[in-house]
Amino acid sequence: MPLIDFNALAAKKTEAWKSSIVGEVGPAKIKILRMDAQPYEEEIHDYNEALIVIDGKLLLKVADETVVVESGQMYLAVAGTPHAVLPGSHGSLVIVDV
């Protein structure tokens, strides 16, 4: 299995909030993206989405709550849960879609 350096991959990305698939495990897709402090509009998926902050901080709006996900933490957006990224989110984010 190859070694994957998520921070190095995120740092090379020229476009923020555009993910790239770096691996697959069964049906799960593992993606990396770079956050740039800009907001990202609300999304709803028909699959579970693990949002893992590798470096920096992710600020989410889920329902009427603000959820702060720090480096080393994960938020699980369960299928059907609307979630949006608030301004100020920055760093490297790994997304696992199942």
PDB file of N, CA and C in Angstrom:
ATOM      1  N   MET A   1       0.846  -1.184   0.000  1.00  0.00           N
ATOM      2  CA  MET A   1       0.000   0.000   0.000  1.00  0.00           C
ATOM      3  C   MET A   1       0.889   1.243   0.000  1.00  0.00           C
ATOM      4  N   PRO A   2       0.599   2.192  -0.880  1.00  0.00           N
ATOM      5  CA  PRO A   2       1.429   3.398  -0.937  1.00  0.00           C
ATOM      6  C   PRO A   2       1.181   4.318   0.255  1.00  0.00           C
ATOM      7  N   LEU A   3       2.209   5.075   0.584  1.00  0.00           N
ATOM      8  CA  LEU A   3       2.109   6.089   1.627  1.00  0.00           C
ATOM      9  C   LEU A   3       1.481   7.337   1.025  1.00  0.00           C
ATOM     10  N   ILE A   4       0.516   7.910   1.712  1.00  0.00           N
ATOM     11  CA  ILE A   4      -0.166   9.120   1.234  1.00  0.00           C
ATOM     12  C   ILE A   4       0.046  10.232   2.245  1.00  0.00           C
ATOM     13  N   ASP A   5       0.613  11.342   1.806  1.00  0.00           N
ATOM     14  CA  ASP A   5       0.827  12.516   2.648  1.00  0.00           C
ATOM     15  C   ASP A   5      -0.283  13.518   2.320  1.00  0.00           C
ATOM     16  N   PHE A   6      -1.340  13.509   3.125  1.00  0.00           N
ATOM     17  CA  PHE A   6      -2.507  14.353   2.858  1.00  0.00           C
ATOM     18  C   PHE A   6      -2.160  15.839   2.824  1.00  0.00           C
ATOM     19  N   ASN A   7      -1.340  16.308   3.764  1.00  0.00           N
ATOM     20  CA  ASN A   7      -0.994  17.731   3.786  1.00  0.00           C
ATOM     21  C   ASN A   7      -0.226  18.138   2.536  1.00  0.00           C
ATOM     22  N   ALA A   8       0.703  17.304   2.087  1.00  0.00           N
ATOM     23  CA  ALA A   8       1.463  17.616   0.881  1.00  0.00           C
ATOM     24  C   ALA A   8       0.546  17.656  -0.340  1.00  0.00           C
ATOM     25  N   LEU A   9      -0.374  16.708  -0.428  1.00  0.00           N
ATOM     26  CA  LEU A   9      -1.310  16.695  -1.557  1.00  0.00           C
ATOM     27  C   LEU A   9      -2.213  17.926  -1.543  1.00  0.00           C
ATOM     28  N   ALA A  10      -2.715  18.299  -0.370  1.00  0.00           N
ATOM     29  CA  ALA A  10      -3.582  19.479  -0.262  1.00  0.00           C
ATOM     30  C   ALA A  10      -2.823  20.744  -0.623  1.00  0.00           C
ATOM     31  N   ALA A  11      -1.570  20.839  -0.193  1.00  0.00           N
ATOM     32  CA  ALA A  11      -0.759  22.032  -0.462  1.00  0.00           C
ATOM     33  C   ALA A  11      -0.515  22.209  -1.962  1.00  0.00           C
ATOM     34  N   LYS A  12      -0.474  21.126  -2.714  1.00  0.00           N
ATOM     35  CA  LYS A  12      -0.234  21.194  -4.154  1.00  0.00           C
ATOM     36  C   LYS A  12      -1.475  21.601  -4.949  1.00  0.00           C
ATOM     37  N   LYS A  13      -2.637  21.532  -4.312  1.00  0.00           N
ATOM     38  CA  LYS A  13      -3.869  21.840  -5.031  1.00  0.00           C
ATOM     39  C   LYS A  13      -3.957  23.339  -5.304  1.00  0.00           C
ATOM     40  N   THR A  14      -4.130  23.690  -6.567  1.00  0.00           N
ATOM     41  CA  THR A  14      -4.209  25.100  -6.938  1.00  0.00           C
ATOM     42  C   THR A  14      -5.605  25.671  -6.712  1.00  0.00           C
ATOM     43  N   GLU A  15      -6.612  24.828  -6.756  1.00  0.00           N
ATOM     44  CA  GLU A  15      -7.992  25.279  -6.592  1.00  0.00           C
ATOM     45  C   GLU A  15      -8.550  24.747  -5.271  1.00  0.00           C
ATOM     46  N   ALA A  16      -8.962  25.678  -4.397  1.00  0.00           N
ATOM     47  CA  ALA A  16      -9.559  25.278  -3.114  1.00  0.00           C
ATOM     48  C   ALA A  16     -10.938  24.679  -3.350  1.00  0.00           C
ATOM     49  N   TRP A  17     -11.352  23.835  -2.436  1.00  0.00           N
ATOM     50  CA  TRP A  17     -12.675  23.216  -2.415  1.00  0.00           C
ATOM     51  C   TRP A  17     -12.932  22.295  -3.606  1.00  0.00           C
ATOM     52  N   LYS A  18     -11.882  21.907  -4.317  1.00  0.00           N
ATOM     53  CA  LYS A  18     -12.034  20.925  -5.388  1.00  0.00           C
ATOM     54  C   LYS A  18     -11.294  19.672  -4.953  1.00  0.00           C
ATOM     55  N   SER A  19     -12.044  18.619  -4.668  1.00  0.00           N
ATOM     56  CA  SER A  19     -11.441  17.409  -4.127  1.00  0.00           C
ATOM     57  C   SER A  19     -10.868  16.521  -5.232  1.00  0.00           C
ATOM     58  N   SER A  20      -9.914  15.692  -4.826  1.00  0.00           N
ATOM     59  CA  SER A  20      -9.323  14.673  -5.694  1.00  0.00           C
ATOM     60  C   SER A  20      -9.380  13.346  -4.967  1.00  0.00           C
ATOM     61  N   ILE A  21      -9.741  12.307  -5.681  1.00  0.00           N
ATOM     62  CA  ILE A  21      -9.757  10.964  -5.097  1.00  0.00           C
ATOM     63  C   ILE A  21      -8.317  10.472  -4.996  1.00  0.00           C
ATOM     64  N   VAL A  22      -7.929  10.044  -3.782  1.00  0.00           N
ATOM     65  CA  VAL A  22      -6.569   9.534  -3.572  1.00  0.00           C
ATOM     66  C   VAL A  22      -6.562   8.034  -3.301  1.00  0.00           C
ATOM     67  N   GLY A  23      -7.722   7.438  -3.105  1.00  0.00           N
ATOM     68  CA  GLY A  23      -7.796   6.005  -2.865  1.00  0.00           C
ATOM     69  C   GLY A  23      -9.221   5.535  -2.703  1.00  0.00           C
ATOM     70  N   GLU A  24      -9.394   4.233  -2.763  1.00  0.00           N
ATOM     71  CA  GLU A  24     -10.698   3.612  -2.560  1.00  0.00           C
ATOM     72  C   GLU A  24     -10.514   2.377  -1.693  1.00  0.00           C
ATOM     73  N   VAL A  25     -11.446   2.183  -0.777  1.00  0.00           N
ATOM     74  CA  VAL A  25     -11.473   0.991   0.062  1.00  0.00           C
ATOM     75  C   VAL A  25     -12.891   0.449  -0.039  1.00  0.00           C
ATOM     76  N   GLY A  26     -13.046  -0.675  -0.743  1.00  0.00           N
ATOM     77  CA  GLY A  26     -14.388  -1.174  -1.003  1.00  0.00           C
ATOM     78  C   GLY A  26     -15.154  -0.089  -1.743  1.00  0.00           C
ATOM     79  N   PRO A  27     -16.379   0.208  -1.287  1.00  0.00           N
ATOM     80  CA  PRO A  27     -17.167   1.254  -1.953  1.00  0.00           C
ATOM     81  C   PRO A  27     -16.791   2.674  -1.523  1.00  0.00           C
ATOM     82  N   ALA A  28     -15.943   2.813  -0.515  1.00  0.00           N
ATOM     83  CA  ALA A  28     -15.587   4.135   0.021  1.00  0.00           C
ATOM     84  C   ALA A  28     -14.559   4.829  -0.867  1.00  0.00           C
ATOM     85  N   LYS A  29     -14.810   6.095  -1.128  1.00  0.00           N
ATOM     86  CA  LYS A  29     -13.863   6.932  -1.856  1.00  0.00           C
ATOM     87  C   LYS A  29     -13.190   7.871  -0.862  1.00  0.00           C
ATOM     88  N   ILE A  30     -11.855   7.931  -0.907  1.00  0.00           N
ATOM     89  CA  ILE A  30     -11.074   8.790  -0.015  1.00  0.00           C
ATOM     90  C   ILE A  30     -10.571   9.961  -0.848  1.00  0.00           C
ATOM     91  N   LYS A  31     -10.927  11.180  -0.407  1.00  0.00           N
ATOM     92  CA  LYS A  31     -10.599  12.381  -1.176  1.00  0.00           C
ATOM     93  C   LYS A  31      -9.849  13.381  -0.298  1.00  0.00           C
ATOM     94  N   ILE A  32      -9.103  14.260  -0.936  1.00  0.00           N
ATOM     95  CA  ILE A  32      -8.384  15.323  -0.243  1.00  0.00           C
ATOM     96  C   ILE A  32      -8.768  16.651  -0.895  1.00  0.00           C
ATOM     97  N   LEU A  33      -8.834  17.699  -0.086  1.00  0.00           N
ATOM     98  CA  LEU A  33      -9.016  19.038  -0.631  1.00  0.00           C
ATOM     99  C   LEU A  33      -8.370  20.059   0.282  1.00  0.00           C
ATOM    100  N   ARG A  34      -8.195  21.245  -0.276  1.00  0.00           N
ATOM    101  CA  ARG A  34      -7.625  22.369   0.464  1.00  0.00           C
ATOM    102  C   ARG A  34      -8.742  23.367   0.738  1.00  0.00           C
ATOM    103  N   MET A  35      -8.856  23.767   2.003  1.00  0.00           N
ATOM    104  CA  MET A  35      -9.828  24.786   2.401  1.00  0.00           C
ATOM    105  C   MET A  35      -9.127  26.141   2.404  1.00  0.00           C
ATOM    106  N   ASP A  36      -9.837  27.204   1.972  1.00  0.00           N
ATOM    107  CA  ASP A  36      -9.196  28.511   1.838  1.00  0.00           C
ATOM    108  C   ASP A  36      -9.926  29.654   2.548  1.00  0.00           C
ATOM    109  N   ALA A  37     -10.661  29.369   3.587  1.00  0.00           N
ATOM    110  CA  ALA A  37     -11.374  30.363   4.403  1.00  0.00           C
ATOM    111  C   ALA A  37     -12.644  30.887   3.746  1.00  0.00           C
ATOM    112  N   GLN A  38     -12.938  30.472   2.529  1.00  0.00           N
ATOM    113  CA  GLN A  38     -14.171  30.891   1.872  1.00  0.00           C
ATOM    114  C   GLN A  38     -15.302  29.918   2.236  1.00  0.00           C
ATOM    115  N   PRO A  39     -16.539  30.399   2.252  1.00  0.00           N
ATOM    116  CA  PRO A  39     -17.661  29.504   2.536  1.00  0.00           C
ATOM    117  C   PRO A  39     -17.924  28.564   1.356  1.00  0.00           C
ATOM    118  N   TYR A  40     -18.648  27.496   1.638  1.00  0.00           N
ATOM    119  CA  TYR A  40     -19.058  26.559   0.598  1.00  0.00           C
ATOM    120  C   TYR A  40     -20.529  26.262   0.829  1.00  0.00           C
ATOM    121  N   GLU A  41     -21.311  26.340  -0.223  1.00  0.00           N
ATOM    122  CA  GLU A  41     -22.769  26.255  -0.085  1.00  0.00           C
ATOM    123  C   GLU A  41     -23.253  24.916   0.482  1.00  0.00           C
ATOM    124  N   GLU A  42     -24.467  24.950   0.982  1.00  0.00           N
ATOM    125  CA  GLU A  42     -25.067  23.769   1.612  1.00  0.00           C
ATOM    126  C   GLU A  42     -25.165  22.606   0.622  1.00  0.00           C
ATOM    127  N   GLU A  43     -24.888  21.418   1.149  1.00  0.00           N
ATOM    128  CA  GLU A  43     -24.978  20.175   0.376  1.00  0.00           C
ATOM    129  C   GLU A  43     -25.792  19.155   1.152  1.00  0.00           C
ATOM    130  N   ILE A  44     -26.392  18.242   0.418  1.00  0.00           N
ATOM    131  CA  ILE A  44     -27.061  17.073   1.002  1.00  0.00           C
ATOM    132  C   ILE A  44     -26.662  15.892   0.126  1.00  0.00           C
ATOM    133  N   HIS A  45     -26.206  14.818   0.758  1.00  0.00           N
ATOM    134  CA  HIS A  45     -25.789  13.631   0.015  1.00  0.00           C
ATOM    135  C   HIS A  45     -26.697  12.454   0.364  1.00  0.00           C
ATOM    136  N   ASP A  46     -26.752  11.484  -0.537  1.00  0.00           N
ATOM    137  CA  ASP A  46     -27.506  10.262  -0.259  1.00  0.00           C
ATOM    138  C   ASP A  46     -26.580   9.161   0.265  1.00  0.00           C
ATOM    139  N   TYR A  47     -25.424   9.576   0.763  1.00  0.00           N
ATOM    140  CA  TYR A  47     -24.447   8.663   1.353  1.00  0.00           C
ATOM    141  C   TYR A  47     -23.821   9.355   2.564  1.00  0.00           C
ATOM    142  N   ASN A  48     -23.235   8.562   3.461  1.00  0.00           N
ATOM    143  CA  ASN A  48     -22.518   9.135   4.605  1.00  0.00           C
ATOM    144  C   ASN A  48     -21.217   9.755   4.126  1.00  0.00           C
ATOM    145  N   GLU A  49     -20.835  10.846   4.779  1.00  0.00           N
ATOM    146  CA  GLU A  49     -19.614  11.551   4.413  1.00  0.00           C
ATOM    147  C   GLU A  49     -18.832  11.866   5.684  1.00  0.00           C
ATOM    148  N   ALA A  50     -17.639  11.286   5.799  1.00  0.00           N
ATOM    149  CA  ALA A  50     -16.759  11.587   6.927  1.00  0.00           C
ATOM    150  C   ALA A  50     -15.885  12.763   6.530  1.00  0.00           C
ATOM    151  N   LEU A  51     -15.886  13.821   7.349  1.00  0.00           N
ATOM    152  CA  LEU A  51     -15.080  15.020   7.105  1.00  0.00           C
ATOM    153  C   LEU A  51     -13.987  15.047   8.165  1.00  0.00           C
ATOM    154  N   ILE A  52     -12.755  14.775   7.767  1.00  0.00           N
ATOM    155  CA  ILE A  52     -11.632  14.631   8.694  1.00  0.00           C
ATOM    156  C   ILE A  52     -10.651  15.779   8.473  1.00  0.00           C
ATOM    157  N   VAL A  53     -10.476  16.613   9.490  1.00  0.00           N
ATOM    158  CA  VAL A  53      -9.556  17.740   9.385  1.00  0.00           C
ATOM    159  C   VAL A  53      -8.147  17.245   9.722  1.00  0.00           C
ATOM    160  N   ILE A  54      -7.260  17.351   8.757  1.00  0.00           N
ATOM    161  CA  ILE A  54      -5.873  16.924   8.928  1.00  0.00           C
ATOM    162  C   ILE A  54      -5.041  18.077   9.479  1.00  0.00           C
ATOM    163  N   ASP A  55      -5.368  19.275   8.997  1.00  0.00           N
ATOM    164  CA  ASP A  55      -4.654  20.476   9.416  1.00  0.00           C
ATOM    165  C   ASP A  55      -5.631  21.645   9.323  1.00  0.00           C
ATOM    166  N   GLY A  56      -5.620  22.528  10.299  1.00  0.00           N
ATOM    167  CA  GLY A  56      -6.492  23.697  10.270  1.00  0.00           C
ATOM    168  C   GLY A  56      -7.778  23.494  11.032  1.00  0.00           C
ATOM    169  N   LYS A  57      -8.879  24.041  10.478  1.00  0.00           N
ATOM    170  CA  LYS A  57     -10.165  24.012  11.169  1.00  0.00           C
ATOM    171  C   LYS A  57     -11.286  24.080  10.131  1.00  0.00           C
ATOM    172  N   LEU A  58     -12.336  23.296  10.377  1.00  0.00           N
ATOM    173  CA  LEU A  58     -13.529  23.284   9.537  1.00  0.00           C
ATOM    174  C   LEU A  58     -14.688  23.814  10.367  1.00  0.00           C
ATOM    175  N   LEU A  59     -15.370  24.827   9.845  1.00  0.00           N
ATOM    176  CA  LEU A  59     -16.539  25.404  10.499  1.00  0.00           C
ATOM    177  C   LEU A  59     -17.760  25.034   9.671  1.00  0.00           C
ATOM    178  N   LEU A  60     -18.647  24.252  10.263  1.00  0.00           N
ATOM    179  CA  LEU A  60     -19.831  23.781   9.556  1.00  0.00           C
ATOM    180  C   LEU A  60     -21.096  24.394  10.136  1.00  0.00           C
ATOM    181  N   LYS A  61     -22.086  24.562   9.267  1.00  0.00           N
ATOM    182  CA  LYS A  61     -23.438  24.891   9.728  1.00  0.00           C
ATOM    183  C   LYS A  61     -24.274  23.651   9.460  1.00  0.00           C
ATOM    184  N   VAL A  62     -24.777  23.060  10.536  1.00  0.00           N
ATOM    185  CA  VAL A  62     -25.612  21.869  10.444  1.00  0.00           C
ATOM    186  C   VAL A  62     -26.899  22.213  11.177  1.00  0.00           C
ATOM    187  N   ALA A  63     -28.013  22.213  10.432  1.00  0.00           N
ATOM    188  CA  ALA A  63     -29.287  22.726  10.955  1.00  0.00           C
ATOM    189  C   ALA A  63     -29.043  24.174  11.367  1.00  0.00           C
ATOM    190  N   ASP A  64     -29.323  24.549  12.587  1.00  0.00           N
ATOM    191  CA  ASP A  64     -29.073  25.920  13.041  1.00  0.00           C
ATOM    192  C   ASP A  64     -27.868  25.993  13.964  1.00  0.00           C
ATOM    193  N   GLU A  65     -27.038  24.978  13.955  1.00  0.00           N
ATOM    194  CA  GLU A  65     -25.873  24.928  14.835  1.00  0.00           C
ATOM    195  C   GLU A  65     -24.580  25.123  14.060  1.00  0.00           C
ATOM    196  N   THR A  66     -23.592  25.736  14.722  1.00  0.00           N
ATOM    197  CA  THR A  66     -22.238  25.804  14.188  1.00  0.00           C
ATOM    198  C   THR A  66     -21.440  24.681  14.830  1.00  0.00           C
ATOM    199  N   VAL A  67     -20.818  23.880  13.993  1.00  0.00           N
ATOM    200  CA  VAL A  67     -19.988  22.771  14.455  1.00  0.00           C
ATOM    201  C   VAL A  67     -18.542  23.098  14.087  1.00  0.00           C
ATOM    202  N   VAL A  68     -17.657  23.099  15.068  1.00  0.00           N
ATOM    203  CA  VAL A  68     -16.240  23.367  14.846  1.00  0.00           C
ATOM    204  C   VAL A  68     -15.498  22.031  14.878  1.00  0.00           C
ATOM    205  N   VAL A  69     -14.819  21.723  13.777  1.00  0.00           N
ATOM    206  CA  VAL A  69     -14.048  20.487  13.668  1.00  0.00           C
ATOM    207  C   VAL A  69     -12.571  20.893  13.607  1.00  0.00           C
ATOM    208  N   GLU A  70     -11.831  20.534  14.642  1.00  0.00           N
ATOM    209  CA  GLU A  70     -10.424  20.907  14.763  1.00  0.00           C
ATOM    210  C   GLU A  70      -9.531  19.843  14.122  1.00  0.00           C
ATOM    211  N   SER A  71      -8.269  20.198  13.936  1.00  0.00           N
ATOM    212  CA  SER A  71      -7.276  19.267  13.413  1.00  0.00           C
ATOM    213  C   SER A  71      -7.268  17.987  14.250  1.00  0.00           C
ATOM    214  N   GLY A  72      -7.347  16.848  13.574  1.00  0.00           N
ATOM    215  CA  GLY A  72      -7.366  15.568  14.269  1.00  0.00           C
ATOM    216  C   GLY A  72      -8.764  15.088  14.606  1.00  0.00           C
ATOM    217  N   GLN A  73      -9.785  15.865  14.250  1.00  0.00           N
ATOM    218  CA  GLN A  73     -11.169  15.486  14.544  1.00  0.00           C
ATOM    219  C   GLN A  73     -11.924  15.181  13.245  1.00  0.00           C
ATOM    220  N   MET A  74     -13.063  14.495  13.409  1.00  0.00           N
ATOM    221  CA  MET A  74     -13.906  14.130  12.279  1.00  0.00           C
ATOM    222  C   MET A  74     -15.355  14.465  12.583  1.00  0.00           C
ATOM    223  N   TYR A  75     -16.072  14.939  11.576  1.00  0.00           N
ATOM    224  CA  TYR A  75     -17.519  15.097  11.662  1.00  0.00           C
ATOM    225  C   TYR A  75     -18.122  14.118  10.667  1.00  0.00           C
ATOM    226  N   LEU A  76     -19.126  13.370  11.090  1.00  0.00           N
ATOM    227  CA  LEU A  76     -19.805  12.435  10.205  1.00  0.00           C
ATOM    228  C   LEU A  76     -21.122  13.056   9.758  1.00  0.00           C
ATOM    229  N   ALA A  77     -21.186  13.430   8.490  1.00  0.00           N
ATOM    230  CA  ALA A  77     -22.426  13.948   7.911  1.00  0.00           C
ATOM    231  C   ALA A  77     -23.216  12.733   7.421  1.00  0.00           C
ATOM    232  N   VAL A  78     -24.211  12.367   8.180  1.00  0.00           N
ATOM    233  CA  VAL A  78     -25.030  11.201   7.859  1.00  0.00           C
ATOM    234  C   VAL A  78     -25.855  11.515   6.608  1.00  0.00           C
ATOM    235  N   ALA A  79     -26.071  10.519   5.779  1.00  0.00           N
ATOM    236  CA  ALA A  79     -26.847  10.696   4.551  1.00  0.00           C
ATOM    237  C   ALA A  79     -28.130  11.468   4.841  1.00  0.00           C
ATOM    238  N   GLY A  80     -28.415  12.460   3.997  1.00  0.00           N
ATOM    239  CA  GLY A  80     -29.627  13.262   4.149  1.00  0.00           C
ATOM    240  C   GLY A  80     -29.478  14.464   5.062  1.00  0.00           C
ATOM    241  N   THR A  81     -28.295  14.654   5.672  1.00  0.00           N
ATOM    242  CA  THR A  81     -28.064  15.784   6.588  1.00  0.00           C
ATOM    243  C   THR A  81     -27.535  16.989   5.808  1.00  0.00           C
ATOM    244  N   PRO A  82     -28.317  18.092   5.742  1.00  0.00           N
ATOM    245  CA  PRO A  82     -27.802  19.291   5.075  1.00  0.00           C
ATOM    246  C   PRO A  82     -26.649  19.885   5.892  1.00  0.00           C
ATOM    247  N   HIS A  83     -25.578  20.271   5.209  1.00  0.00           N
ATOM    248  CA  HIS A  83     -24.436  20.882   5.883  1.00  0.00           C
ATOM    249  C   HIS A  83     -23.760  21.869   4.931  1.00  0.00           C
ATOM    250  N   ALA A  84     -23.281  22.980   5.496  1.00  0.00           N
ATOM    251  CA  ALA A  84     -22.600  24.016   4.721  1.00  0.00           C
ATOM    252  C   ALA A  84     -21.328  24.411   5.450  1.00  0.00           C
ATOM    253  N   VAL A  85     -20.338  24.866   4.687  1.00  0.00           N
ATOM    254  CA  VAL A  85     -19.074  25.326   5.262  1.00  0.00           C
ATOM    255  C   VAL A  85     -19.168  26.835   5.473  1.00  0.00           C
ATOM    256  N   LEU A  86     -18.813  27.261   6.679  1.00  0.00           N
ATOM    257  CA  LEU A  86     -18.841  28.676   7.034  1.00  0.00           C
ATOM    258  C   LEU A  86     -17.500  29.339   6.711  1.00  0.00           C
ATOM    259  N   PRO A  87     -17.492  30.666   6.540  1.00  0.00           N
ATOM    260  CA  PRO A  87     -16.236  31.377   6.302  1.00  0.00           C
ATOM    261  C   PRO A  87     -15.249  31.137   7.445  1.00  0.00           C
ATOM    262  N   GLY A  88     -13.974  31.079   7.102  1.00  0.00           N
ATOM    263  CA  GLY A  88     -12.936  30.888   8.106  1.00  0.00           C
ATOM    264  C   GLY A  88     -12.361  29.488   8.143  1.00  0.00           C
ATOM    265  N   SER A  89     -13.003  28.546   7.458  1.00  0.00           N
ATOM    266  CA  SER A  89     -12.465  27.185   7.397  1.00  0.00           C
ATOM    267  C   SER A  89     -11.175  27.213   6.591  1.00  0.00           C
ATOM    268  N   HIS A  90     -10.139  26.537   7.079  1.00  0.00           N
ATOM    269  CA  HIS A  90      -8.840  26.568   6.404  1.00  0.00           C
ATOM    270  C   HIS A  90      -8.048  25.304   6.724  1.00  0.00           C
ATOM    271  N   GLY A  91      -7.142  24.955   5.817  1.00  0.00           N
ATOM    272  CA  GLY A  91      -6.278  23.811   6.044  1.00  0.00           C
ATOM    273  C   GLY A  91      -6.554  22.669   5.084  1.00  0.00           C
ATOM    274  N   SER A  92      -6.269  21.449   5.546  1.00  0.00           N
ATOM    275  CA  SER A  92      -6.402  20.236   4.733  1.00  0.00           C
ATOM    276  C   SER A  92      -7.564  19.400   5.247  1.00  0.00           C
ATOM    277  N   LEU A  93      -8.405  18.948   4.328  1.00  0.00           N
ATOM    278  CA  LEU A  93      -9.579  18.165   4.688  1.00  0.00           C
ATOM    279  C   LEU A  93      -9.586  16.869   3.892  1.00  0.00           C
ATOM    280  N   VAL A  94      -9.734  15.752   4.603  1.00  0.00           N
ATOM    281  CA  VAL A  94      -9.919  14.449   3.973  1.00  0.00           C
ATOM    282  C   VAL A  94     -11.407  14.127   4.058  1.00  0.00           C
ATOM    283  N   ILE A  95     -11.961  13.681   2.947  1.00  0.00           N
ATOM    284  CA  ILE A  95     -13.377  13.304   2.888  1.00  0.00           C
ATOM    285  C   ILE A  95     -13.445  11.823   2.511  1.00  0.00           C
ATOM    286  N   VAL A  96     -14.229  11.081   3.282  1.00  0.00           N
ATOM    287  CA  VAL A  96     -14.453   9.672   2.949  1.00  0.00           C
ATOM    288  C   VAL A  96     -15.936   9.514   2.704  1.00  0.00           C
ATOM    289  N   ASP A  97     -16.283   9.188   1.452  1.00  0.00           N
ATOM    290  CA  ASP A  97     -17.678   8.963   1.064  1.00  0.00           C
ATOM    291  C   ASP A  97     -17.975   7.477   1.103  1.00  0.00           C
ATOM    292  N   VAL A  98     -19.027   7.119   1.824  1.00  0.00           N
ATOM    293  CA  VAL A  98     -19.418   5.708   1.906  1.00  0.00           C
ATOM    294  C   VAL A  98     -20.873   5.572   1.495  1.00  0.00           C
TER     295      VAL A  98
END
